Amino acid sequence: MPYAFVQDVPADAAMYQRIVDGLGPETAPGLIAHVAIVRPEGGLRYVDVWESEADWDRFAEERLHPVVHAILAEIFGDDLPPEPERTEIDVLHVWAP
């Protein structure tokens, strides 16, 4: 069964693009879909679907966190804010290429 979640983050499109650029073009193993949505009230909402939670954990630890933490360190120094809460969601069906 896939692992999926929604996460609201206090980032804008420019910060998101820095993260994407830092991750590079290689697709993450186990990623089924990632959608970044601009929230009308500010920030972004991520909707992610992964083959497994282990795939997500590996990607977050090995690729995502090093990029995001470096960007956040420019803003906050050594006092990084906590990671925004993720809300797991149940996937009924994924239709993707």
PDB file of N, CA and C in Angstrom:
ATOM      1  N   MET A   1       0.844  -1.176   0.000  1.00  0.00           N
ATOM      2  CA  MET A   1       0.000   0.000   0.000  1.00  0.00           C
ATOM      3  C   MET A   1       0.895   1.247   0.000  1.00  0.00           C
ATOM      4  N   PRO A   2       0.574   2.230  -0.834  1.00  0.00           N
ATOM      5  CA  PRO A   2       1.396   3.440  -0.883  1.00  0.00           C
ATOM      6  C   PRO A   2       1.345   4.229   0.421  1.00  0.00           C
ATOM      7  N   TYR A   3       2.375   5.020   0.619  1.00  0.00           N
ATOM      8  CA  TYR A   3       2.442   5.953   1.739  1.00  0.00           C
ATOM      9  C   TYR A   3       2.199   7.343   1.162  1.00  0.00           C
ATOM     10  N   ALA A   4       1.224   8.058   1.710  1.00  0.00           N
ATOM     11  CA  ALA A   4       0.890   9.382   1.185  1.00  0.00           C
ATOM     12  C   ALA A   4       0.654  10.347   2.338  1.00  0.00           C
ATOM     13  N   PHE A   5       0.919  11.626   2.062  1.00  0.00           N
ATOM     14  CA  PHE A   5       0.700  12.651   3.082  1.00  0.00           C
ATOM     15  C   PHE A   5       0.471  14.009   2.444  1.00  0.00           C
ATOM     16  N   VAL A   6      -0.081  14.892   3.266  1.00  0.00           N
ATOM     17  CA  VAL A   6      -0.235  16.300   2.944  1.00  0.00           C
ATOM     18  C   VAL A   6       0.590  17.057   3.972  1.00  0.00           C
ATOM     19  N   GLN A   7       1.289  18.108   3.507  1.00  0.00           N
ATOM     20  CA  GLN A   7       2.114  18.908   4.417  1.00  0.00           C
ATOM     21  C   GLN A   7       2.026  20.362   3.993  1.00  0.00           C
ATOM     22  N   ASP A   8       1.649  21.235   4.934  1.00  0.00           N
ATOM     23  CA  ASP A   8       1.632  22.673   4.695  1.00  0.00           C
ATOM     24  C   ASP A   8       2.944  23.251   5.188  1.00  0.00           C
ATOM     25  N   VAL A   9       3.601  24.033   4.318  1.00  0.00           N
ATOM     26  CA  VAL A   9       4.915  24.572   4.651  1.00  0.00           C
ATOM     27  C   VAL A   9       4.925  26.089   4.461  1.00  0.00           C
ATOM     28  N   PRO A  10       5.663  26.799   5.316  1.00  0.00           N
ATOM     29  CA  PRO A  10       5.747  28.262   5.215  1.00  0.00           C
ATOM     30  C   PRO A  10       6.821  28.684   4.210  1.00  0.00           C
ATOM     31  N   ALA A  11       6.639  28.299   2.976  1.00  0.00           N
ATOM     32  CA  ALA A  11       7.601  28.619   1.923  1.00  0.00           C
ATOM     33  C   ALA A  11       6.865  29.310   0.785  1.00  0.00           C
ATOM     34  N   ASP A  12       7.616  30.055  -0.009  1.00  0.00           N
ATOM     35  CA  ASP A  12       7.028  30.665  -1.199  1.00  0.00           C
ATOM     36  C   ASP A  12       7.598  29.982  -2.439  1.00  0.00           C
ATOM     37  N   ALA A  13       7.156  30.429  -3.606  1.00  0.00           N
ATOM     38  CA  ALA A  13       7.581  29.796  -4.853  1.00  0.00           C
ATOM     39  C   ALA A  13       9.090  29.919  -5.064  1.00  0.00           C
ATOM     40  N   ALA A  14       9.679  31.044  -4.659  1.00  0.00           N
ATOM     41  CA  ALA A  14      11.124  31.226  -4.833  1.00  0.00           C
ATOM     42  C   ALA A  14      11.915  30.237  -3.983  1.00  0.00           C
ATOM     43  N   MET A  15      11.505  30.046  -2.722  1.00  0.00           N
ATOM     44  CA  MET A  15      12.196  29.082  -1.868  1.00  0.00           C
ATOM     45  C   MET A  15      11.992  27.665  -2.407  1.00  0.00           C
ATOM     46  N   TYR A  16      10.779  27.373  -2.838  1.00  0.00           N
ATOM     47  CA  TYR A  16      10.509  26.050  -3.400  1.00  0.00           C
ATOM     48  C   TYR A  16      11.427  25.784  -4.596  1.00  0.00           C
ATOM     49  N   GLN A  17      11.603  26.778  -5.456  1.00  0.00           N
ATOM     50  CA  GLN A  17      12.467  26.592  -6.620  1.00  0.00           C
ATOM     51  C   GLN A  17      13.911  26.340  -6.200  1.00  0.00           C
ATOM     52  N   ARG A  18      14.365  26.990  -5.151  1.00  0.00           N
ATOM     53  CA  ARG A  18      15.717  26.725  -4.640  1.00  0.00           C
ATOM     54  C   ARG A  18      15.846  25.275  -4.184  1.00  0.00           C
ATOM     55  N   ILE A  19      14.808  24.766  -3.538  1.00  0.00           N
ATOM     56  CA  ILE A  19      14.825  23.375  -3.082  1.00  0.00           C
ATOM     57  C   ILE A  19      14.872  22.442  -4.287  1.00  0.00           C
ATOM     58  N   VAL A  20      14.017  22.687  -5.266  1.00  0.00           N
ATOM     59  CA  VAL A  20      13.990  21.855  -6.475  1.00  0.00           C
ATOM     60  C   VAL A  20      15.354  21.877  -7.162  1.00  0.00           C
ATOM     61  N   ASP A  21      15.932  23.070  -7.300  1.00  0.00           N
ATOM     62  CA  ASP A  21      17.249  23.175  -7.931  1.00  0.00           C
ATOM     63  C   ASP A  21      18.302  22.398  -7.139  1.00  0.00           C
ATOM     64  N   GLY A  22      18.233  22.477  -5.816  1.00  0.00           N
ATOM     65  CA  GLY A  22      19.182  21.765  -4.975  1.00  0.00           C
ATOM     66  C   GLY A  22      19.048  20.256  -5.054  1.00  0.00           C
ATOM     67  N   LEU A  23      17.833  19.769  -5.285  1.00  0.00           N
ATOM     68  CA  LEU A  23      17.603  18.330  -5.396  1.00  0.00           C
ATOM     69  C   LEU A  23      18.115  17.766  -6.711  1.00  0.00           C
ATOM     70  N   GLY A  24      18.123  18.586  -7.743  1.00  0.00           N
ATOM     71  CA  GLY A  24      18.582  18.126  -9.045  1.00  0.00           C
ATOM     72  C   GLY A  24      17.496  17.393  -9.809  1.00  0.00           C
ATOM     73  N   PRO A  25      17.813  16.986 -11.043  1.00  0.00           N
ATOM     74  CA  PRO A  25      16.798  16.417 -11.927  1.00  0.00           C
ATOM     75  C   PRO A  25      16.456  14.946 -11.682  1.00  0.00           C
ATOM     76  N   GLU A  26      17.283  14.245 -10.918  1.00  0.00           N
ATOM     77  CA  GLU A  26      17.054  12.811 -10.724  1.00  0.00           C
ATOM     78  C   GLU A  26      15.806  12.567  -9.870  1.00  0.00           C
ATOM     79  N   THR A  27      14.898  11.766 -10.393  1.00  0.00           N
ATOM     80  CA  THR A  27      13.688  11.423  -9.658  1.00  0.00           C
ATOM     81  C   THR A  27      14.034  10.528  -8.472  1.00  0.00           C
ATOM     82  N   ALA A  28      13.333  10.720  -7.390  1.00  0.00           N
ATOM     83  CA  ALA A  28      13.580   9.936  -6.187  1.00  0.00           C
ATOM     84  C   ALA A  28      13.011   8.522  -6.346  1.00  0.00           C
ATOM     85  N   PRO A  29      13.804   7.503  -6.022  1.00  0.00           N
ATOM     86  CA  PRO A  29      13.283   6.137  -6.065  1.00  0.00           C
ATOM     87  C   PRO A  29      12.077   5.992  -5.130  1.00  0.00           C
ATOM     88  N   GLY A  30      11.016   5.395  -5.655  1.00  0.00           N
ATOM     89  CA  GLY A  30       9.812   5.164  -4.860  1.00  0.00           C
ATOM     90  C   GLY A  30       8.783   6.273  -4.941  1.00  0.00           C
ATOM     91  N   LEU A  31       9.129   7.410  -5.532  1.00  0.00           N
ATOM     92  CA  LEU A  31       8.177   8.513  -5.646  1.00  0.00           C
ATOM     93  C   LEU A  31       7.156   8.189  -6.726  1.00  0.00           C
ATOM     94  N   ILE A  32       5.884   8.278  -6.365  1.00  0.00           N
ATOM     95  CA  ILE A  32       4.805   8.095  -7.336  1.00  0.00           C
ATOM     96  C   ILE A  32       4.331   9.456  -7.829  1.00  0.00           C
ATOM     97  N   ALA A  33       4.106  10.399  -6.903  1.00  0.00           N
ATOM     98  CA  ALA A  33       3.651  11.742  -7.287  1.00  0.00           C
ATOM     99  C   ALA A  33       3.996  12.732  -6.195  1.00  0.00           C
ATOM    100  N   HIS A  34       4.363  13.934  -6.621  1.00  0.00           N
ATOM    101  CA  HIS A  34       4.573  15.067  -5.711  1.00  0.00           C
ATOM    102  C   HIS A  34       3.911  16.271  -6.358  1.00  0.00           C
ATOM    103  N   VAL A  35       3.012  16.918  -5.639  1.00  0.00           N
ATOM    104  CA  VAL A  35       2.333  18.107  -6.132  1.00  0.00           C
ATOM    105  C   VAL A  35       2.537  19.212  -5.103  1.00  0.00           C
ATOM    106  N   ALA A  36       2.992  20.368  -5.559  1.00  0.00           N
ATOM    107  CA  ALA A  36       3.145  21.549  -4.709  1.00  0.00           C
ATOM    108  C   ALA A  36       2.073  22.553  -5.117  1.00  0.00           C
ATOM    109  N   ILE A  37       1.279  22.969  -4.146  1.00  0.00           N
ATOM    110  CA  ILE A  37       0.133  23.839  -4.390  1.00  0.00           C
ATOM    111  C   ILE A  37       0.323  25.139  -3.624  1.00  0.00           C
ATOM    112  N   VAL A  38       0.038  26.271  -4.276  1.00  0.00           N
ATOM    113  CA  VAL A  38       0.082  27.566  -3.595  1.00  0.00           C
ATOM    114  C   VAL A  38      -1.210  27.704  -2.786  1.00  0.00           C
ATOM    115  N   ARG A  39      -1.053  27.965  -1.485  1.00  0.00           N
ATOM    116  CA  ARG A  39      -2.207  28.137  -0.603  1.00  0.00           C
ATOM    117  C   ARG A  39      -2.653  29.596  -0.634  1.00  0.00           C
ATOM    118  N   PRO A  40      -3.951  29.871  -0.788  1.00  0.00           N
ATOM    119  CA  PRO A  40      -4.433  31.254  -0.829  1.00  0.00           C
ATOM    120  C   PRO A  40      -4.052  32.056   0.415  1.00  0.00           C
ATOM    121  N   GLU A  41      -3.975  31.394   1.561  1.00  0.00           N
ATOM    122  CA  GLU A  41      -3.640  32.078   2.815  1.00  0.00           C
ATOM    123  C   GLU A  41      -2.131  32.228   3.021  1.00  0.00           C
ATOM    124  N   GLY A  42      -1.361  31.739   2.072  1.00  0.00           N
ATOM    125  CA  GLY A  42       0.098  31.845   2.149  1.00  0.00           C
ATOM    126  C   GLY A  42       0.750  30.501   2.348  1.00  0.00           C
ATOM    127  N   GLY A  43       1.950  30.376   1.865  1.00  0.00           N
ATOM    128  CA  GLY A  43       2.691  29.127   1.978  1.00  0.00           C
ATOM    129  C   GLY A  43       2.294  28.149   0.891  1.00  0.00           C
ATOM    130  N   LEU A  44       2.829  26.967   1.012  1.00  0.00           N
ATOM    131  CA  LEU A  44       2.584  25.910   0.036  1.00  0.00           C
ATOM    132  C   LEU A  44       2.008  24.686   0.725  1.00  0.00           C
ATOM    133  N   ARG A  45       1.333  23.880  -0.037  1.00  0.00           N
ATOM    134  CA  ARG A  45       0.849  22.572   0.433  1.00  0.00           C
ATOM    135  C   ARG A  45       1.447  21.521  -0.490  1.00  0.00           C
ATOM    136  N   TYR A  46       2.076  20.522   0.124  1.00  0.00           N
ATOM    137  CA  TYR A  46       2.615  19.396  -0.631  1.00  0.00           C
ATOM    138  C   TYR A  46       1.666  18.216  -0.478  1.00  0.00           C
ATOM    139  N   VAL A  47       1.443  17.529  -1.575  1.00  0.00           N
ATOM    140  CA  VAL A  47       0.728  16.260  -1.558  1.00  0.00           C
ATOM    141  C   VAL A  47       1.684  15.253  -2.183  1.00  0.00           C
ATOM    142  N   ASP A  48       2.096  14.268  -1.404  1.00  0.00           N
ATOM    143  CA  ASP A  48       3.073  13.277  -1.845  1.00  0.00           C
ATOM    144  C   ASP A  48       2.485  11.879  -1.774  1.00  0.00           C
ATOM    145  N   VAL A  49       2.839  11.064  -2.769  1.00  0.00           N
ATOM    146  CA  VAL A  49       2.498   9.645  -2.764  1.00  0.00           C
ATOM    147  C   VAL A  49       3.773   8.881  -3.079  1.00  0.00           C
ATOM    148  N   TRP A  50       4.108   7.951  -2.201  1.00  0.00           N
ATOM    149  CA  TRP A  50       5.334   7.142  -2.315  1.00  0.00           C
ATOM    150  C   TRP A  50       4.970   5.668  -2.327  1.00  0.00           C
ATOM    151  N   GLU A  51       5.851   4.878  -2.910  1.00  0.00           N
ATOM    152  CA  GLU A  51       5.653   3.421  -2.898  1.00  0.00           C
ATOM    153  C   GLU A  51       5.588   2.902  -1.464  1.00  0.00           C
ATOM    154  N   SER A  52       6.401   3.499  -0.574  1.00  0.00           N
ATOM    155  CA  SER A  52       6.425   3.061   0.825  1.00  0.00           C
ATOM    156  C   SER A  52       6.906   4.206   1.711  1.00  0.00           C
ATOM    157  N   GLU A  53       6.637   4.109   2.980  1.00  0.00           N
ATOM    158  CA  GLU A  53       7.139   5.098   3.932  1.00  0.00           C
ATOM    159  C   GLU A  53       8.665   5.053   3.996  1.00  0.00           C
ATOM    160  N   ALA A  54       9.233   3.861   3.837  1.00  0.00           N
ATOM    161  CA  ALA A  54      10.697   3.732   3.845  1.00  0.00           C
ATOM    162  C   ALA A  54      11.319   4.518   2.687  1.00  0.00           C
ATOM    163  N   ASP A  55      10.672   4.502   1.509  1.00  0.00           N
ATOM    164  CA  ASP A  55      11.179   5.287   0.379  1.00  0.00           C
ATOM    165  C   ASP A  55      11.171   6.769   0.710  1.00  0.00           C
ATOM    166  N   TRP A  56      10.081   7.253   1.315  1.00  0.00           N
ATOM    167  CA  TRP A  56      10.002   8.654   1.723  1.00  0.00           C
ATOM    168  C   TRP A  56      11.087   8.978   2.745  1.00  0.00           C
ATOM    169  N   ASP A  57      11.208   8.154   3.769  1.00  0.00           N
ATOM    170  CA  ASP A  57      12.194   8.407   4.830  1.00  0.00           C
ATOM    171  C   ASP A  57      13.613   8.493   4.261  1.00  0.00           C
ATOM    172  N   ARG A  58      13.935   7.589   3.362  1.00  0.00           N
ATOM    173  CA  ARG A  58      15.273   7.576   2.762  1.00  0.00           C
ATOM    174  C   ARG A  58      15.509   8.857   1.953  1.00  0.00           C
ATOM    175  N   PHE A  59      14.538   9.237   1.133  1.00  0.00           N
ATOM    176  CA  PHE A  59      14.658  10.464   0.341  1.00  0.00           C
ATOM    177  C   PHE A  59      14.794  11.685   1.247  1.00  0.00           C
ATOM    178  N   ALA A  60      13.953  11.761   2.270  1.00  0.00           N
ATOM    179  CA  ALA A  60      13.983  12.918   3.174  1.00  0.00           C
ATOM    180  C   ALA A  60      15.336  13.025   3.867  1.00  0.00           C
ATOM    181  N   GLU A  61      15.840  11.923   4.362  1.00  0.00           N
ATOM    182  CA  GLU A  61      17.097  11.926   5.108  1.00  0.00           C
ATOM    183  C   GLU A  61      18.312  12.183   4.207  1.00  0.00           C
ATOM    184  N   GLU A  62      18.356  11.507   3.065  1.00  0.00           N
ATOM    185  CA  GLU A  62      19.550  11.556   2.220  1.00  0.00           C
ATOM    186  C   GLU A  62      19.594  12.732   1.255  1.00  0.00           C
ATOM    187  N   ARG A  63      18.426  13.200   0.795  1.00  0.00           N
ATOM    188  CA  ARG A  63      18.430  14.252  -0.235  1.00  0.00           C
ATOM    189  C   ARG A  63      17.719  15.528   0.185  1.00  0.00           C
ATOM    190  N   LEU A  64      16.504  15.409   0.714  1.00  0.00           N
ATOM    191  CA  LEU A  64      15.703  16.602   0.983  1.00  0.00           C
ATOM    192  C   LEU A  64      16.239  17.418   2.143  1.00  0.00           C
ATOM    193  N   HIS A  65      16.437  16.796   3.289  1.00  0.00           N
ATOM    194  CA  HIS A  65      16.854  17.546   4.476  1.00  0.00           C
ATOM    195  C   HIS A  65      18.184  18.277   4.300  1.00  0.00           C
ATOM    196  N   PRO A  66      19.195  17.685   3.675  1.00  0.00           N
ATOM    197  CA  PRO A  66      20.430  18.458   3.477  1.00  0.00           C
ATOM    198  C   PRO A  66      20.201  19.752   2.678  1.00  0.00           C
ATOM    199  N   VAL A  67      19.342  19.699   1.666  1.00  0.00           N
ATOM    200  CA  VAL A  67      19.067  20.885   0.855  1.00  0.00           C
ATOM    201  C   VAL A  67      18.257  21.904   1.651  1.00  0.00           C
ATOM    202  N   VAL A  68      17.172  21.446   2.266  1.00  0.00           N
ATOM    203  CA  VAL A  68      16.295  22.362   3.007  1.00  0.00           C
ATOM    204  C   VAL A  68      17.019  22.954   4.208  1.00  0.00           C
ATOM    205  N   HIS A  69      17.757  22.151   4.938  1.00  0.00           N
ATOM    206  CA  HIS A  69      18.459  22.660   6.122  1.00  0.00           C
ATOM    207  C   HIS A  69      19.486  23.720   5.753  1.00  0.00           C
ATOM    208  N   ALA A  70      20.159  23.561   4.618  1.00  0.00           N
ATOM    209  CA  ALA A  70      21.125  24.580   4.185  1.00  0.00           C
ATOM    210  C   ALA A  70      20.423  25.900   3.879  1.00  0.00           C
ATOM    211  N   ILE A  71      19.265  25.825   3.236  1.00  0.00           N
ATOM    212  CA  ILE A  71      18.503  27.046   2.933  1.00  0.00           C
ATOM    213  C   ILE A  71      17.989  27.680   4.220  1.00  0.00           C
ATOM    214  N   LEU A  72      17.451  26.875   5.120  1.00  0.00           N
ATOM    215  CA  LEU A  72      16.934  27.401   6.384  1.00  0.00           C
ATOM    216  C   LEU A  72      18.041  27.984   7.256  1.00  0.00           C
ATOM    217  N   ALA A  73      19.231  27.403   7.198  1.00  0.00           N
ATOM    218  CA  ALA A  73      20.357  27.908   7.989  1.00  0.00           C
ATOM    219  C   ALA A  73      20.736  29.324   7.559  1.00  0.00           C
ATOM    220  N   GLU A  74      20.532  29.652   6.285  1.00  0.00           N
ATOM    221  CA  GLU A  74      20.787  31.019   5.821  1.00  0.00           C
ATOM    222  C   GLU A  74      19.847  32.018   6.501  1.00  0.00           C
ATOM    223  N   ILE A  75      18.658  31.572   6.838  1.00  0.00           N
ATOM    224  CA  ILE A  75      17.641  32.438   7.441  1.00  0.00           C
ATOM    225  C   ILE A  75      17.717  32.414   8.962  1.00  0.00           C
ATOM    226  N   PHE A  76      17.830  31.213   9.540  1.00  0.00           N
ATOM    227  CA  PHE A  76      17.710  31.031  10.983  1.00  0.00           C
ATOM    228  C   PHE A  76      19.025  30.732  11.691  1.00  0.00           C
ATOM    229  N   GLY A  77      20.098  30.559  10.959  1.00  0.00           N
ATOM    230  CA  GLY A  77      21.353  30.161  11.578  1.00  0.00           C
ATOM    231  C   GLY A  77      21.248  28.729  12.069  1.00  0.00           C
ATOM    232  N   ASP A  78      21.801  28.478  13.252  1.00  0.00           N
ATOM    233  CA  ASP A  78      21.795  27.118  13.809  1.00  0.00           C
ATOM    234  C   ASP A  78      20.477  26.743  14.477  1.00  0.00           C
ATOM    235  N   ASP A  79      19.575  27.691  14.647  1.00  0.00           N
ATOM    236  CA  ASP A  79      18.308  27.454  15.343  1.00  0.00           C
ATOM    237  C   ASP A  79      17.207  27.158  14.321  1.00  0.00           C
ATOM    238  N   LEU A  80      17.282  25.989  13.684  1.00  0.00           N
ATOM    239  CA  LEU A  80      16.321  25.638  12.640  1.00  0.00           C
ATOM    240  C   LEU A  80      14.937  25.404  13.227  1.00  0.00           C
ATOM    241  N   PRO A  81      13.905  25.839  12.518  1.00  0.00           N
ATOM    242  CA  PRO A  81      12.540  25.583  13.000  1.00  0.00           C
ATOM    243  C   PRO A  81      12.210  24.098  12.861  1.00  0.00           C
ATOM    244  N   PRO A  82      11.222  23.632  13.615  1.00  0.00           N
ATOM    245  CA  PRO A  82      10.824  22.224  13.479  1.00  0.00           C
ATOM    246  C   PRO A  82      10.206  21.978  12.103  1.00  0.00           C
ATOM    247  N   GLU A  83      10.284  20.733  11.670  1.00  0.00           N
ATOM    248  CA  GLU A  83       9.664  20.370  10.397  1.00  0.00           C
ATOM    249  C   GLU A  83       8.149  20.485  10.521  1.00  0.00           C
ATOM    250  N   PRO A  84       7.488  21.059   9.515  1.00  0.00           N
ATOM    251  CA  PRO A  84       6.024  21.147   9.572  1.00  0.00           C
ATOM    252  C   PRO A  84       5.391  19.757   9.650  1.00  0.00           C
ATOM    253  N   GLU A  85       4.278  19.700  10.327  1.00  0.00           N
ATOM    254  CA  GLU A  85       3.567  18.437  10.527  1.00  0.00           C
ATOM    255  C   GLU A  85       3.091  17.864   9.195  1.00  0.00           C
ATOM    256  N   ARG A  86       3.203  16.562   9.071  1.00  0.00           N
ATOM    257  CA  ARG A  86       2.662  15.844   7.920  1.00  0.00           C
ATOM    258  C   ARG A  86       1.398  15.118   8.359  1.00  0.00           C
ATOM    259  N   THR A  87       0.375  15.175   7.528  1.00  0.00           N
ATOM    260  CA  THR A  87      -0.858  14.450   7.783  1.00  0.00           C
ATOM    261  C   THR A  87      -0.950  13.311   6.790  1.00  0.00           C
ATOM    262  N   GLU A  88      -0.866  12.096   7.289  1.00  0.00           N
ATOM    263  CA  GLU A  88      -0.963  10.932   6.413  1.00  0.00           C
ATOM    264  C   GLU A  88      -2.377  10.845   5.847  1.00  0.00           C
ATOM    265  N   ILE A  89      -2.455  10.405   4.595  1.00  0.00           N
ATOM    266  CA  ILE A  89      -3.747  10.237   3.942  1.00  0.00           C
ATOM    267  C   ILE A  89      -3.825   8.837   3.351  1.00  0.00           C
ATOM    268  N   ASP A  90      -5.035   8.293   3.293  1.00  0.00           N
ATOM    269  CA  ASP A  90      -5.262   6.979   2.713  1.00  0.00           C
ATOM    270  C   ASP A  90      -5.476   7.134   1.213  1.00  0.00           C
ATOM    271  N   VAL A  91      -4.754   6.348   0.441  1.00  0.00           N
ATOM    272  CA  VAL A  91      -4.831   6.406  -1.013  1.00  0.00           C
ATOM    273  C   VAL A  91      -5.775   5.320  -1.500  1.00  0.00           C
ATOM    274  N   LEU A  92      -6.779   5.729  -2.246  1.00  0.00           N
ATOM    275  CA  LEU A  92      -7.699   4.775  -2.852  1.00  0.00           C
ATOM    276  C   LEU A  92      -7.190   4.352  -4.228  1.00  0.00           C
ATOM    277  N   HIS A  93      -6.661   5.325  -4.990  1.00  0.00           N
ATOM    278  CA  HIS A  93      -6.242   5.030  -6.356  1.00  0.00           C
ATOM    279  C   HIS A  93      -5.279   6.106  -6.829  1.00  0.00           C
ATOM    280  N   VAL A  94      -4.273   5.705  -7.567  1.00  0.00           N
ATOM    281  CA  VAL A  94      -3.340   6.643  -8.208  1.00  0.00           C
ATOM    282  C   VAL A  94      -3.344   6.335  -9.691  1.00  0.00           C
ATOM    283  N   TRP A  95      -3.567   7.363 -10.477  1.00  0.00           N
ATOM    284  CA  TRP A  95      -3.531   7.203 -11.926  1.00  0.00           C
ATOM    285  C   TRP A  95      -2.408   8.095 -12.437  1.00  0.00           C
ATOM    286  N   ALA A  96      -1.326   7.500 -12.791  1.00  0.00           N
ATOM    287  CA  ALA A  96      -0.145   8.242 -13.226  1.00  0.00           C
ATOM    288  C   ALA A  96       0.550   7.451 -14.330  1.00  0.00           C
ATOM    289  N   PRO A  97       1.330   8.156 -15.162  1.00  0.00           N
ATOM    290  CA  PRO A  97       2.043   7.445 -16.222  1.00  0.00           C
ATOM    291  C   PRO A  97       3.070   6.473 -15.670  1.00  0.00           C
TER     292      PRO A  97
END
